[in-house]
PDB file of N, CA and C in Angstrom:
ATOM      1  N   MET A   1       7.161 -10.285 -17.206  1.00  0.00           N
ATOM      2  CA  MET A   1       7.186 -11.560 -16.522  1.00  0.00           C
ATOM      3  C   MET A   1       5.820 -11.806 -15.878  1.00  0.00           C
ATOM      4  N   VAL A   2       5.309 -12.995 -16.027  1.00  0.00           N
ATOM      5  CA  VAL A   2       4.029 -13.374 -15.453  1.00  0.00           C
ATOM      6  C   VAL A   2       4.287 -14.395 -14.348  1.00  0.00           C
ATOM      7  N   PHE A   3       3.736 -14.135 -13.179  1.00  0.00           N
ATOM      8  CA  PHE A   3       3.882 -15.043 -12.049  1.00  0.00           C
ATOM      9  C   PHE A   3       2.713 -16.021 -12.056  1.00  0.00           C
ATOM     10  N   LYS A   4       3.008 -17.318 -12.005  1.00  0.00           N
ATOM     11  CA  LYS A   4       1.945 -18.319 -12.107  1.00  0.00           C
ATOM     12  C   LYS A   4       1.772 -19.136 -10.837  1.00  0.00           C
ATOM     13  N   GLY A   5       2.317 -18.665  -9.731  1.00  0.00           N
ATOM     14  CA  GLY A   5       2.178 -19.371  -8.463  1.00  0.00           C
ATOM     15  C   GLY A   5       1.095 -18.739  -7.601  1.00  0.00           C
ATOM     16  N   LYS A   6       1.151 -19.045  -6.331  1.00  0.00           N
ATOM     17  CA  LYS A   6       0.225 -18.447  -5.375  1.00  0.00           C
ATOM     18  C   LYS A   6       0.763 -17.070  -4.983  1.00  0.00           C
ATOM     19  N   TYR A   7      -0.161 -16.130  -4.789  1.00  0.00           N
ATOM     20  CA  TYR A   7       0.288 -14.769  -4.512  1.00  0.00           C
ATOM     21  C   TYR A   7       1.102 -14.697  -3.231  1.00  0.00           C
ATOM     22  N   TYR A   8       0.811 -15.551  -2.247  1.00  0.00           N
ATOM     23  CA  TYR A   8       1.570 -15.500  -0.994  1.00  0.00           C
ATOM     24  C   TYR A   8       3.028 -15.884  -1.230  1.00  0.00           C
ATOM     25  N   ASP A   9       3.287 -16.800  -2.162  1.00  0.00           N
ATOM     26  CA  ASP A   9       4.672 -17.162  -2.486  1.00  0.00           C
ATOM     27  C   ASP A   9       5.420 -15.959  -3.067  1.00  0.00           C
ATOM     28  N   LEU A  10       4.739 -15.183  -3.866  1.00  0.00           N
ATOM     29  CA  LEU A  10       5.337 -13.966  -4.420  1.00  0.00           C
ATOM     30  C   LEU A  10       5.598 -12.944  -3.311  1.00  0.00           C
ATOM     31  N   LEU A  11       4.650 -12.803  -2.400  1.00  0.00           N
ATOM     32  CA  LEU A  11       4.825 -11.846  -1.306  1.00  0.00           C
ATOM     33  C   LEU A  11       6.006 -12.204  -0.415  1.00  0.00           C
ATOM     34  N   LYS A  12       6.270 -13.488  -0.239  1.00  0.00           N
ATOM     35  CA  LYS A  12       7.411 -13.894   0.590  1.00  0.00           C
ATOM     36  C   LYS A  12       8.729 -13.420   0.003  1.00  0.00           C
ATOM     37  N   GLU A  13       8.761 -13.189  -1.309  1.00  0.00           N
ATOM     38  CA  GLU A  13       9.974 -12.740  -1.984  1.00  0.00           C
ATOM     39  C   GLU A  13      10.015 -11.220  -2.166  1.00  0.00           C
ATOM     40  N   ALA A  14       8.881 -10.565  -2.024  1.00  0.00           N
ATOM     41  CA  ALA A  14       8.797  -9.122  -2.292  1.00  0.00           C
ATOM     42  C   ALA A  14       9.485  -8.324  -1.189  1.00  0.00           C
ATOM     43  N   LYS A  15      10.311  -7.385  -1.587  1.00  0.00           N
ATOM     44  CA  LYS A  15      10.945  -6.479  -0.629  1.00  0.00           C
ATOM     45  C   LYS A  15      10.030  -5.300  -0.318  1.00  0.00           C
ATOM     46  N   VAL A  16       9.267  -4.858  -1.341  1.00  0.00           N
ATOM     47  CA  VAL A  16       8.402  -3.687  -1.210  1.00  0.00           C
ATOM     48  C   VAL A  16       7.067  -3.972  -1.893  1.00  0.00           C
ATOM     49  N   LEU A  17       5.987  -3.544  -1.260  1.00  0.00           N
ATOM     50  CA  LEU A  17       4.662  -3.602  -1.864  1.00  0.00           C
ATOM     51  C   LEU A  17       4.103  -2.186  -1.883  1.00  0.00           C
ATOM     52  N   ILE A  18       3.706  -1.718  -3.055  1.00  0.00           N
ATOM     53  CA  ILE A  18       3.039  -0.421  -3.193  1.00  0.00           C
ATOM     54  C   ILE A  18       1.566  -0.713  -3.423  1.00  0.00           C
ATOM     55  N   THR A  19       0.711  -0.153  -2.593  1.00  0.00           N
ATOM     56  CA  THR A  19      -0.710  -0.452  -2.653  1.00  0.00           C
ATOM     57  C   THR A  19      -1.529   0.763  -2.243  1.00  0.00           C
ATOM     58  N   ASP A  20      -2.825   0.671  -2.447  1.00  0.00           N
ATOM     59  CA  ASP A  20      -3.691   1.743  -1.989  1.00  0.00           C
ATOM     60  C   ASP A  20      -4.254   1.364  -0.615  1.00  0.00           C
ATOM     61  N   TYR A  21      -5.303   0.572  -0.596  1.00  0.00           N
ATOM     62  CA  TYR A  21      -5.909   0.152   0.667  1.00  0.00           C
ATOM     63  C   TYR A  21      -6.141  -1.351   0.705  1.00  0.00           C
ATOM     64  N   SER A  22      -5.581  -2.063  -0.212  1.00  0.00           N
ATOM     65  CA  SER A  22      -5.878  -3.484  -0.357  1.00  0.00           C
ATOM     66  C   SER A  22      -5.557  -4.269   0.910  1.00  0.00           C
ATOM     67  N   SER A  23      -6.373  -5.270   1.173  1.00  0.00           N
ATOM     68  CA  SER A  23      -6.116  -6.129   2.335  1.00  0.00           C
ATOM     69  C   SER A  23      -4.862  -6.977   2.149  1.00  0.00           C
ATOM     70  N   ILE A  24      -4.327  -7.032   0.928  1.00  0.00           N
ATOM     71  CA  ILE A  24      -3.083  -7.759   0.695  1.00  0.00           C
ATOM     72  C   ILE A  24      -1.943  -7.180   1.531  1.00  0.00           C
ATOM     73  N   VAL A  25      -2.098  -5.944   1.960  1.00  0.00           N
ATOM     74  CA  VAL A  25      -1.056  -5.292   2.746  1.00  0.00           C
ATOM     75  C   VAL A  25      -0.758  -6.072   4.026  1.00  0.00           C
ATOM     76  N   TYR A  26      -1.756  -6.662   4.626  1.00  0.00           N
ATOM     77  CA  TYR A  26      -1.537  -7.400   5.865  1.00  0.00           C
ATOM     78  C   TYR A  26      -0.727  -8.668   5.609  1.00  0.00           C
ATOM     79  N   ASP A  27      -1.010  -9.360   4.517  1.00  0.00           N
ATOM     80  CA  ASP A  27      -0.222 -10.540   4.153  1.00  0.00           C
ATOM     81  C   ASP A  27       1.215 -10.149   3.827  1.00  0.00           C
ATOM     82  N   ALA A  28       1.383  -9.052   3.108  1.00  0.00           N
ATOM     83  CA  ALA A  28       2.727  -8.601   2.744  1.00  0.00           C
ATOM     84  C   ALA A  28       3.514  -8.201   3.991  1.00  0.00           C
ATOM     85  N   PHE A  29       2.881  -7.472   4.888  1.00  0.00           N
ATOM     86  CA  PHE A  29       3.528  -7.066   6.136  1.00  0.00           C
ATOM     87  C   PHE A  29       3.942  -8.290   6.948  1.00  0.00           C
ATOM     88  N   TYR A  30       3.036  -9.256   7.053  1.00  0.00           N
ATOM     89  CA  TYR A  30       3.309 -10.486   7.796  1.00  0.00           C
ATOM     90  C   TYR A  30       4.488 -11.247   7.195  1.00  0.00           C
ATOM     91  N   SER A  31       4.620 -11.216   5.872  1.00  0.00           N
ATOM     92  CA  SER A  31       5.701 -11.964   5.229  1.00  0.00           C
ATOM     93  C   SER A  31       7.012 -11.184   5.190  1.00  0.00           C
ATOM     94  N   GLY A  32       7.020  -9.962   5.724  1.00  0.00           N
ATOM     95  CA  GLY A  32       8.255  -9.208   5.846  1.00  0.00           C
ATOM     96  C   GLY A  32       8.485  -8.128   4.811  1.00  0.00           C
ATOM     97  N   SER A  33       7.528  -7.883   3.936  1.00  0.00           N
ATOM     98  CA  SER A  33       7.680  -6.826   2.932  1.00  0.00           C
ATOM     99  C   SER A  33       7.527  -5.454   3.576  1.00  0.00           C
ATOM    100  N   ASN A  34       8.238  -4.490   3.041  1.00  0.00           N
ATOM    101  CA  ASN A  34       7.988  -3.102   3.410  1.00  0.00           C
ATOM    102  C   ASN A  34       6.811  -2.612   2.582  1.00  0.00           C
ATOM    103  N   ILE A  35       6.003  -1.764   3.175  1.00  0.00           N
ATOM    104  CA  ILE A  35       4.772  -1.314   2.549  1.00  0.00           C
ATOM    105  C   ILE A  35       4.874   0.177   2.247  1.00  0.00           C
ATOM    106  N   ILE A  36       4.430   0.551   1.062  1.00  0.00           N
ATOM    107  CA  ILE A  36       4.263   1.955   0.707  1.00  0.00           C
ATOM    108  C   ILE A  36       2.809   2.122   0.283  1.00  0.00           C
ATOM    109  N   PHE A  37       2.093   3.001   0.966  1.00  0.00           N
ATOM    110  CA  PHE A  37       0.719   3.297   0.600  1.00  0.00           C
ATOM    111  C   PHE A  37       0.712   4.466  -0.382  1.00  0.00           C
ATOM    112  N   TYR A  38       0.024   4.292  -1.490  1.00  0.00           N
ATOM    113  CA  TYR A  38      -0.082   5.334  -2.506  1.00  0.00           C
ATOM    114  C   TYR A  38      -1.514   5.831  -2.512  1.00  0.00           C
ATOM    115  N   TRP A  39      -1.729   6.998  -1.944  1.00  0.00           N
ATOM    116  CA  TRP A  39      -3.066   7.524  -1.737  1.00  0.00           C
ATOM    117  C   TRP A  39      -3.340   8.786  -2.537  1.00  0.00           C
ATOM    118  N   GLU A  40      -2.846   8.866  -3.761  1.00  0.00           N
ATOM    119  CA  GLU A  40      -3.042  10.071  -4.578  1.00  0.00           C
ATOM    120  C   GLU A  40      -4.522  10.397  -4.767  1.00  0.00           C
ATOM    121  N   GLU A  41      -5.357   9.408  -4.937  1.00  0.00           N
ATOM    122  CA  GLU A  41      -6.782   9.638  -5.222  1.00  0.00           C
ATOM    123  C   GLU A  41      -7.680   9.361  -4.021  1.00  0.00           C
ATOM    124  N   LYS A  42      -7.107   9.318  -2.831  1.00  0.00           N
ATOM    125  CA  LYS A  42      -7.881   8.982  -1.636  1.00  0.00           C
ATOM    126  C   LYS A  42      -9.071   9.916  -1.433  1.00  0.00           C
ATOM    127  N   ASP A  43      -8.862  11.207  -1.481  1.00  0.00           N
ATOM    128  CA  ASP A  43      -9.964  12.149  -1.237  1.00  0.00           C
ATOM    129  C   ASP A  43     -11.066  12.003  -2.273  1.00  0.00           C
ATOM    130  N   TYR A  44     -10.671  11.847  -3.531  1.00  0.00           N
ATOM    131  CA  TYR A  44     -11.660  11.657  -4.596  1.00  0.00           C
ATOM    132  C   TYR A  44     -12.467  10.382  -4.359  1.00  0.00           C
ATOM    133  N   CYS A  45     -11.785   9.305  -4.045  1.00  0.00           N
ATOM    134  CA  CYS A  45     -12.486   8.031  -3.806  1.00  0.00           C
ATOM    135  C   CYS A  45     -13.441   8.135  -2.623  1.00  0.00           C
ATOM    136  N   MET A  46     -13.001   8.787  -1.578  1.00  0.00           N
ATOM    137  CA  MET A  46     -13.861   8.919  -0.404  1.00  0.00           C
ATOM    138  C   MET A  46     -15.105   9.737  -0.734  1.00  0.00           C
ATOM    139  N   GLU A  47     -14.963  10.751  -1.576  1.00  0.00           N
ATOM    140  CA  GLU A  47     -16.125  11.531  -2.009  1.00  0.00           C
ATOM    141  C   GLU A  47     -17.114  10.653  -2.764  1.00  0.00           C
ATOM    142  N   GLN A  48     -16.617   9.723  -3.567  1.00  0.00           N
ATOM    143  CA  GLN A  48     -17.482   8.840  -4.353  1.00  0.00           C
ATOM    144  C   GLN A  48     -18.227   7.845  -3.455  1.00  0.00           C
ATOM    145  N   TYR A  49     -17.565   7.388  -2.385  1.00  0.00           N
ATOM    146  CA  TYR A  49     -18.193   6.424  -1.482  1.00  0.00           C
ATOM    147  C   TYR A  49     -19.195   7.077  -0.544  1.00  0.00           C
ATOM    148  N   GLY A  50     -19.052   8.347  -0.291  1.00  0.00           N
ATOM    149  CA  GLY A  50     -19.972   9.054   0.596  1.00  0.00           C
ATOM    150  C   GLY A  50     -19.344   9.371   1.932  1.00  0.00           C
ATOM    151  N   GLU A  51     -19.920  10.343   2.599  1.00  0.00           N
ATOM    152  CA  GLU A  51     -19.325  10.843   3.836  1.00  0.00           C
ATOM    153  C   GLU A  51     -19.421   9.868   5.004  1.00  0.00           C
ATOM    154  N   ASP A  52     -20.271   8.863   4.926  1.00  0.00           N
ATOM    155  CA  ASP A  52     -20.384   7.882   6.001  1.00  0.00           C
ATOM    156  C   ASP A  52     -19.295   6.812   5.947  1.00  0.00           C
ATOM    157  N   THR A  53     -18.531   6.784   4.869  1.00  0.00           N
ATOM    158  CA  THR A  53     -17.492   5.769   4.706  1.00  0.00           C
ATOM    159  C   THR A  53     -16.276   6.143   5.529  1.00  0.00           C
ATOM    160  N   LYS A  54     -15.779   5.196   6.286  1.00  0.00           N
ATOM    161  CA  LYS A  54     -14.588   5.395   7.114  1.00  0.00           C
ATOM    162  C   LYS A  54     -13.551   4.345   6.726  1.00  0.00           C
ATOM    163  N   LEU A  55     -12.300   4.744   6.719  1.00  0.00           N
ATOM    164  CA  LEU A  55     -11.209   3.817   6.435  1.00  0.00           C
ATOM    165  C   LEU A  55     -10.582   3.350   7.734  1.00  0.00           C
ATOM    166  N   MET A  56     -10.242   2.063   7.788  1.00  0.00           N
ATOM    167  CA  MET A  56      -9.560   1.555   8.976  1.00  0.00           C
ATOM    168  C   MET A  56      -8.162   2.155   9.088  1.00  0.00           C
ATOM    169  N   LEU A  57      -7.479   2.281   7.948  1.00  0.00           N
ATOM    170  CA  LEU A  57      -6.167   2.917   7.932  1.00  0.00           C
ATOM    171  C   LEU A  57      -6.328   4.359   7.498  1.00  0.00           C
ATOM    172  N   ASN A  58      -5.619   5.240   8.179  1.00  0.00           N
ATOM    173  CA  ASN A  58      -5.665   6.650   7.814  1.00  0.00           C
ATOM    174  C   ASN A  58      -4.330   7.292   8.173  1.00  0.00           C
ATOM    175  N   ASP A  59      -4.230   8.590   7.967  1.00  0.00           N
ATOM    176  CA  ASP A  59      -2.979   9.299   8.232  1.00  0.00           C
ATOM    177  C   ASP A  59      -2.525   9.175   9.680  1.00  0.00           C
ATOM    178  N   ASP A  60      -3.453   8.995  10.598  1.00  0.00           N
ATOM    179  CA  ASP A  60      -3.105   8.957  12.020  1.00  0.00           C
ATOM    180  C   ASP A  60      -2.648   7.597  12.514  1.00  0.00           C
ATOM    181  N   ASN A  61      -3.059   6.508  11.849  1.00  0.00           N
ATOM    182  CA  ASN A  61      -2.719   5.184  12.379  1.00  0.00           C
ATOM    183  C   ASN A  61      -1.986   4.281  11.388  1.00  0.00           C
ATOM    184  N   CYS A  62      -1.647   4.805  10.231  1.00  0.00           N
ATOM    185  CA  CYS A  62      -0.988   3.996   9.213  1.00  0.00           C
ATOM    186  C   CYS A  62       0.401   3.584   9.688  1.00  0.00           C
ATOM    187  N   PHE A  63       0.763   2.360   9.447  1.00  0.00           N
ATOM    188  CA  PHE A  63       2.001   1.809   9.988  1.00  0.00           C
ATOM    189  C   PHE A  63       3.170   1.832   9.016  1.00  0.00           C
ATOM    190  N   ARG A  64       3.030   2.480   7.892  1.00  0.00           N
ATOM    191  CA  ARG A  64       4.121   2.570   6.909  1.00  0.00           C
ATOM    192  C   ARG A  64       4.065   3.899   6.187  1.00  0.00           C
ATOM    193  N   ASP A  65       4.969   4.072   5.226  1.00  0.00           N
ATOM    194  CA  ASP A  65       5.032   5.317   4.466  1.00  0.00           C
ATOM    195  C   ASP A  65       3.760   5.530   3.659  1.00  0.00           C
ATOM    196  N   ILE A  66       3.315   6.780   3.610  1.00  0.00           N
ATOM    197  CA  ILE A  66       2.164   7.176   2.805  1.00  0.00           C
ATOM    198  C   ILE A  66       2.655   8.176   1.765  1.00  0.00           C
ATOM    199  N   CYS A  67       2.292   7.953   0.512  1.00  0.00           N
ATOM    200  CA  CYS A  67       2.665   8.858  -0.575  1.00  0.00           C
ATOM    201  C   CYS A  67       1.393   9.337  -1.270  1.00  0.00           C
ATOM    202  N   TYR A  68       1.426  10.600  -1.663  1.00  0.00           N
ATOM    203  CA  TYR A  68       0.292  11.187  -2.364  1.00  0.00           C
ATOM    204  C   TYR A  68       0.630  11.582  -3.794  1.00  0.00           C
ATOM    205  N   THR A  69       1.907  11.498  -4.167  1.00  0.00           N
ATOM    206  CA  THR A  69       2.337  11.851  -5.520  1.00  0.00           C
ATOM    207  C   THR A  69       3.366  10.828  -6.004  1.00  0.00           C
ATOM    208  N   PRO A  70       3.504  10.681  -7.313  1.00  0.00           N
ATOM    209  CA  PRO A  70       4.538   9.775  -7.836  1.00  0.00           C
ATOM    210  C   PRO A  70       5.942  10.162  -7.366  1.00  0.00           C
ATOM    211  N   GLU A  71       6.188  11.445  -7.206  1.00  0.00           N
ATOM    212  CA  GLU A  71       7.508  11.895  -6.744  1.00  0.00           C
ATOM    213  C   GLU A  71       7.794  11.407  -5.330  1.00  0.00           C
ATOM    214  N   GLN A  72       6.788  11.407  -4.493  1.00  0.00           N
ATOM    215  CA  GLN A  72       6.974  10.909  -3.136  1.00  0.00           C
ATOM    216  C   GLN A  72       7.304   9.425  -3.139  1.00  0.00           C
ATOM    217  N   ILE A  73       6.672   8.665  -4.023  1.00  0.00           N
ATOM    218  CA  ILE A  73       6.972   7.232  -4.113  1.00  0.00           C
ATOM    219  C   ILE A  73       8.438   7.041  -4.478  1.00  0.00           C
ATOM    220  N   SER A  74       8.907   7.793  -5.453  1.00  0.00           N
ATOM    221  CA  SER A  74      10.309   7.682  -5.861  1.00  0.00           C
ATOM    222  C   SER A  74      11.229   7.941  -4.685  1.00  0.00           C
ATOM    223  N   ASP A  75      10.879   8.873  -3.829  1.00  0.00           N
ATOM    224  CA  ASP A  75      11.717   9.199  -2.686  1.00  0.00           C
ATOM    225  C   ASP A  75      11.769   8.090  -1.639  1.00  0.00           C
ATOM    226  N   VAL A  76      10.678   7.355  -1.468  1.00  0.00           N
ATOM    227  CA  VAL A  76      10.661   6.348  -0.397  1.00  0.00           C
ATOM    228  C   VAL A  76      10.971   4.926  -0.860  1.00  0.00           C
ATOM    229  N   ILE A  77      10.943   4.664  -2.151  1.00  0.00           N
ATOM    230  CA  ILE A  77      11.242   3.299  -2.615  1.00  0.00           C
ATOM    231  C   ILE A  77      12.628   2.865  -2.191  1.00  0.00           C
ATOM    232  N   GLU A  78      13.608   3.699  -2.434  1.00  0.00           N
ATOM    233  CA  GLU A  78      14.984   3.310  -2.093  1.00  0.00           C
ATOM    234  C   GLU A  78      15.108   3.067  -0.587  1.00  0.00           C
ATOM    235  N   LYS A  79      14.486   3.905   0.216  1.00  0.00           N
ATOM    236  CA  LYS A  79      14.519   3.729   1.675  1.00  0.00           C
ATOM    237  C   LYS A  79      13.927   2.372   2.075  1.00  0.00           C
ATOM    238  N   ASN A  80      12.885   1.952   1.367  1.00  0.00           N
ATOM    239  CA  ASN A  80      12.197   0.705   1.696  1.00  0.00           C
ATOM    240  C   ASN A  80      12.836  -0.538   1.089  1.00  0.00           C
ATOM    241  N   MET A  81      13.747  -0.344   0.164  1.00  0.00           N
ATOM    242  CA  MET A  81      14.437  -1.497  -0.431  1.00  0.00           C
ATOM    243  C   MET A  81      15.475  -2.013   0.530  1.00  0.00           C
TER     244      MET A  81
END
């Protein structure tokens, strides 16, 4: 299925959003979606960006579930639905 509307209209209907670090998370949260962060490659990505790179969201301040493996996502999807 291809969605041809505005992404915010889709977010208003979404029950769950799985994302890495995208700023779309704030729009989804505002519209009432539950958020699951999938950070399997976080350490690798941070190594590529360099040691001076800092993330606004991290393990200490993240406001939703964080998953590092596909199995973890499977465990939290039902909880977030």
